[in-house]
Amino acid sequence: MQENKVDYFKKFRRNLQLFRIAGGYSVTEFADKIGTKQHRIHDLEYGKHGKGVPKADELFKIATAFGVTPEDIVFKDADVVLS
């Protein structure tokens, strides 16, 4: 069970970065868009210091910013969603 959680966190981190870059946002710009700090986006994208797990409200803000569902960001491959 633990192994699946790690896979979803990796997928989330990868998807967040791909969606952000595809949307043309720098880390700072995207942080401003969803109302958080630049270092928080960095933590979410790289999973640093055990801070890479999004809170529910963060996940919804991120999904809304990209016009997708939270499930798209966590469970699907960004390549598929973006095409």
N, C-alpha and C. Protein backbone atom coordinates (compact mmCIF):
# COMPACT_ATOMS: atom_id res chain seq x y z
N MET A 1 0.82 -1.19 0.00
CA MET A 1 0.00 0.00 0.00
C MET A 1 0.87 1.26 0.00
N GLN A 2 1.88 1.33 0.81
CA GLN A 2 2.78 2.48 0.88
C GLN A 2 3.38 2.77 -0.49
N GLU A 3 3.73 1.73 -1.24
CA GLU A 3 4.35 1.93 -2.54
C GLU A 3 3.44 2.71 -3.47
N ASN A 4 2.13 2.44 -3.46
CA ASN A 4 1.20 3.18 -4.30
C ASN A 4 1.15 4.65 -3.93
N LYS A 5 1.19 4.97 -2.65
CA LYS A 5 1.18 6.37 -2.22
C LYS A 5 2.39 7.10 -2.76
N VAL A 6 3.53 6.48 -2.70
CA VAL A 6 4.74 7.11 -3.22
C VAL A 6 4.59 7.37 -4.71
N ASP A 7 4.03 6.44 -5.45
CA ASP A 7 3.82 6.63 -6.88
C ASP A 7 2.90 7.81 -7.15
N TYR A 8 1.83 7.95 -6.38
CA TYR A 8 0.91 9.07 -6.59
C TYR A 8 1.56 10.40 -6.25
N PHE A 9 2.38 10.43 -5.23
CA PHE A 9 3.07 11.67 -4.90
C PHE A 9 4.05 12.05 -6.01
N LYS A 10 4.74 11.08 -6.54
CA LYS A 10 5.66 11.35 -7.65
C LYS A 10 4.89 11.86 -8.86
N LYS A 11 3.76 11.22 -9.15
CA LYS A 11 2.95 11.64 -10.29
C LYS A 11 2.44 13.06 -10.08
N PHE A 12 1.97 13.36 -8.87
CA PHE A 12 1.50 14.71 -8.57
C PHE A 12 2.61 15.73 -8.80
N ARG A 13 3.80 15.46 -8.26
CA ARG A 13 4.91 16.41 -8.40
C ARG A 13 5.26 16.64 -9.87
N ARG A 14 5.33 15.56 -10.62
CA ARG A 14 5.66 15.67 -12.05
C ARG A 14 4.56 16.43 -12.78
N ASN A 15 3.31 16.08 -12.51
CA ASN A 15 2.20 16.74 -13.18
C ASN A 15 2.13 18.23 -12.85
N LEU A 16 2.32 18.58 -11.60
CA LEU A 16 2.29 19.98 -11.21
C LEU A 16 3.31 20.77 -12.01
N GLN A 17 4.51 20.24 -12.09
CA GLN A 17 5.56 20.94 -12.83
C GLN A 17 5.23 21.03 -14.32
N LEU A 18 4.73 19.94 -14.90
CA LEU A 18 4.40 19.96 -16.33
C LEU A 18 3.25 20.91 -16.63
N PHE A 19 2.21 20.90 -15.80
CA PHE A 19 1.09 21.82 -16.00
C PHE A 19 1.56 23.27 -15.86
N ARG A 20 2.39 23.52 -14.86
CA ARG A 20 2.87 24.89 -14.63
C ARG A 20 3.66 25.39 -15.83
N ILE A 21 4.58 24.57 -16.30
CA ILE A 21 5.42 24.96 -17.44
C ILE A 21 4.58 25.11 -18.70
N ALA A 22 3.65 24.18 -18.95
CA ALA A 22 2.78 24.26 -20.12
C ALA A 22 1.90 25.50 -20.08
N GLY A 23 1.55 25.94 -18.87
CA GLY A 23 0.74 27.14 -18.71
C GLY A 23 1.55 28.43 -18.84
N GLY A 24 2.87 28.29 -18.95
CA GLY A 24 3.74 29.44 -19.12
C GLY A 24 4.04 30.19 -17.84
N TYR A 25 3.87 29.52 -16.69
CA TYR A 25 4.10 30.16 -15.40
C TYR A 25 5.48 29.85 -14.84
N SER A 26 6.12 30.86 -14.30
CA SER A 26 7.30 30.62 -13.49
C SER A 26 6.80 30.15 -12.12
N VAL A 27 7.68 29.69 -11.28
CA VAL A 27 7.29 29.27 -9.94
C VAL A 27 6.66 30.45 -9.20
N THR A 28 7.28 31.61 -9.31
CA THR A 28 6.77 32.81 -8.63
C THR A 28 5.40 33.22 -9.15
N GLU A 29 5.24 33.22 -10.45
CA GLU A 29 3.95 33.59 -11.04
C GLU A 29 2.84 32.64 -10.62
N PHE A 30 3.16 31.35 -10.61
CA PHE A 30 2.12 30.38 -10.24
C PHE A 30 1.79 30.49 -8.76
N ALA A 31 2.79 30.71 -7.94
CA ALA A 31 2.54 30.89 -6.51
C ALA A 31 1.61 32.07 -6.28
N ASP A 32 1.86 33.17 -6.98
CA ASP A 32 0.99 34.34 -6.86
C ASP A 32 -0.43 34.01 -7.33
N LYS A 33 -0.53 33.26 -8.39
CA LYS A 33 -1.85 32.92 -8.96
C LYS A 33 -2.72 32.15 -7.97
N ILE A 34 -2.10 31.23 -7.21
CA ILE A 34 -2.91 30.43 -6.28
C ILE A 34 -2.82 30.92 -4.84
N GLY A 35 -2.13 32.03 -4.64
CA GLY A 35 -2.10 32.64 -3.32
C GLY A 35 -1.22 31.95 -2.30
N THR A 36 -0.05 31.53 -2.75
CA THR A 36 0.90 30.90 -1.83
C THR A 36 2.29 31.48 -2.07
N LYS A 37 3.26 30.94 -1.40
CA LYS A 37 4.64 31.41 -1.53
C LYS A 37 5.41 30.57 -2.54
N GLN A 38 6.43 31.18 -3.13
CA GLN A 38 7.27 30.50 -4.11
C GLN A 38 7.87 29.22 -3.53
N HIS A 39 8.34 29.27 -2.31
CA HIS A 39 8.98 28.08 -1.73
C HIS A 39 7.98 26.94 -1.54
N ARG A 40 6.69 27.26 -1.39
CA ARG A 40 5.69 26.19 -1.25
C ARG A 40 5.54 25.43 -2.57
N ILE A 41 5.52 26.14 -3.68
CA ILE A 41 5.44 25.48 -4.99
C ILE A 41 6.68 24.61 -5.19
N HIS A 42 7.83 25.13 -4.82
CA HIS A 42 9.07 24.36 -4.94
C HIS A 42 8.97 23.09 -4.09
N ASP A 43 8.49 23.22 -2.85
CA ASP A 43 8.32 22.04 -1.98
C ASP A 43 7.38 21.02 -2.62
N LEU A 44 6.28 21.50 -3.20
CA LEU A 44 5.32 20.59 -3.82
C LEU A 44 5.90 19.90 -5.04
N GLU A 45 6.67 20.61 -5.84
CA GLU A 45 7.24 20.03 -7.05
C GLU A 45 8.39 19.07 -6.78
N TYR A 46 9.12 19.31 -5.71
CA TYR A 46 10.30 18.49 -5.45
C TYR A 46 10.19 17.63 -4.20
N GLY A 47 9.12 17.79 -3.44
CA GLY A 47 8.91 16.96 -2.26
C GLY A 47 9.96 17.13 -1.20
N LYS A 48 10.50 18.31 -1.06
CA LYS A 48 11.58 18.56 -0.11
C LYS A 48 11.09 18.59 1.33
N HIS A 49 11.91 18.05 2.20
CA HIS A 49 11.70 18.15 3.64
C HIS A 49 10.34 17.62 4.10
N GLY A 50 9.80 16.63 3.39
CA GLY A 50 8.51 16.07 3.77
C GLY A 50 7.35 17.02 3.57
N LYS A 51 7.57 18.09 2.82
CA LYS A 51 6.53 19.10 2.61
C LYS A 51 5.91 19.01 1.23
N GLY A 52 6.09 17.89 0.54
CA GLY A 52 5.60 17.76 -0.81
C GLY A 52 4.19 17.24 -0.94
N VAL A 53 3.50 17.11 0.18
CA VAL A 53 2.13 16.61 0.16
C VAL A 53 1.19 17.81 0.16
N PRO A 54 0.34 17.93 -0.87
CA PRO A 54 -0.55 19.09 -0.91
C PRO A 54 -1.70 18.95 0.08
N LYS A 55 -2.08 20.07 0.66
CA LYS A 55 -3.29 20.11 1.48
C LYS A 55 -4.48 20.12 0.52
N ALA A 56 -5.63 19.72 1.00
CA ALA A 56 -6.81 19.63 0.13
C ALA A 56 -7.11 20.97 -0.54
N ASP A 57 -7.05 22.06 0.20
CA ASP A 57 -7.35 23.36 -0.40
C ASP A 57 -6.32 23.75 -1.45
N GLU A 58 -5.07 23.37 -1.24
CA GLU A 58 -4.03 23.64 -2.25
C GLU A 58 -4.30 22.86 -3.52
N LEU A 59 -4.67 21.61 -3.36
CA LEU A 59 -4.94 20.76 -4.51
C LEU A 59 -6.08 21.33 -5.35
N PHE A 60 -7.14 21.80 -4.69
CA PHE A 60 -8.26 22.39 -5.42
C PHE A 60 -7.87 23.70 -6.10
N LYS A 61 -7.06 24.52 -5.45
CA LYS A 61 -6.61 25.77 -6.06
C LYS A 61 -5.74 25.48 -7.29
N ILE A 62 -4.87 24.50 -7.18
CA ILE A 62 -4.00 24.13 -8.30
C ILE A 62 -4.84 23.62 -9.47
N ALA A 63 -5.76 22.72 -9.18
CA ALA A 63 -6.61 22.16 -10.24
C ALA A 63 -7.43 23.26 -10.91
N THR A 64 -8.00 24.14 -10.12
CA THR A 64 -8.80 25.23 -10.67
C THR A 64 -7.96 26.14 -11.56
N ALA A 65 -6.75 26.43 -11.14
CA ALA A 65 -5.86 27.29 -11.92
C ALA A 65 -5.58 26.70 -13.30
N PHE A 66 -5.54 25.39 -13.40
CA PHE A 66 -5.25 24.73 -14.67
C PHE A 66 -6.51 24.28 -15.41
N GLY A 67 -7.69 24.45 -14.79
CA GLY A 67 -8.93 24.06 -15.44
C GLY A 67 -9.10 22.55 -15.54
N VAL A 68 -8.56 21.84 -14.56
CA VAL A 68 -8.68 20.38 -14.51
C VAL A 68 -9.22 19.96 -13.14
N THR A 69 -9.42 18.69 -12.96
CA THR A 69 -9.87 18.19 -11.67
C THR A 69 -8.66 17.81 -10.82
N PRO A 70 -8.85 17.75 -9.51
CA PRO A 70 -7.76 17.25 -8.67
C PRO A 70 -7.32 15.85 -9.07
N GLU A 71 -8.27 15.03 -9.51
CA GLU A 71 -7.94 13.68 -9.95
C GLU A 71 -7.00 13.69 -11.14
N ASP A 72 -7.19 14.65 -12.05
CA ASP A 72 -6.30 14.76 -13.21
C ASP A 72 -4.86 14.97 -12.77
N ILE A 73 -4.67 15.79 -11.76
CA ILE A 73 -3.31 16.10 -11.31
C ILE A 73 -2.67 14.95 -10.54
N VAL A 74 -3.48 14.23 -9.78
CA VAL A 74 -2.92 13.18 -8.92
C VAL A 74 -2.82 11.84 -9.63
N PHE A 75 -3.82 11.49 -10.43
CA PHE A 75 -3.90 10.13 -10.94
C PHE A 75 -3.59 9.96 -12.43
N LYS A 76 -3.70 11.01 -13.22
CA LYS A 76 -3.50 10.88 -14.66
C LYS A 76 -2.12 11.39 -15.06
N ASP A 77 -1.69 11.02 -16.26
CA ASP A 77 -0.43 11.53 -16.77
C ASP A 77 -0.70 12.89 -17.42
N ALA A 78 0.05 13.88 -17.05
CA ALA A 78 -0.15 15.24 -17.57
C ALA A 78 -0.06 15.26 -19.07
N ASP A 79 0.79 14.42 -19.65
CA ASP A 79 0.94 14.38 -21.10
C ASP A 79 -0.41 14.11 -21.77
N VAL A 80 -1.21 13.23 -21.19
CA VAL A 80 -2.50 12.87 -21.74
C VAL A 80 -3.50 14.00 -21.52
N VAL A 81 -3.52 14.56 -20.35
CA VAL A 81 -4.48 15.63 -20.03
C VAL A 81 -4.20 16.88 -20.86
N LEU A 82 -2.94 17.17 -21.09
CA LEU A 82 -2.56 18.37 -21.83
C LEU A 82 -2.77 18.24 -23.34
N SER A 83 -2.87 17.02 -23.85
CA SER A 83 -3.01 16.86 -25.30
C SER A 83 -4.44 16.90 -25.76
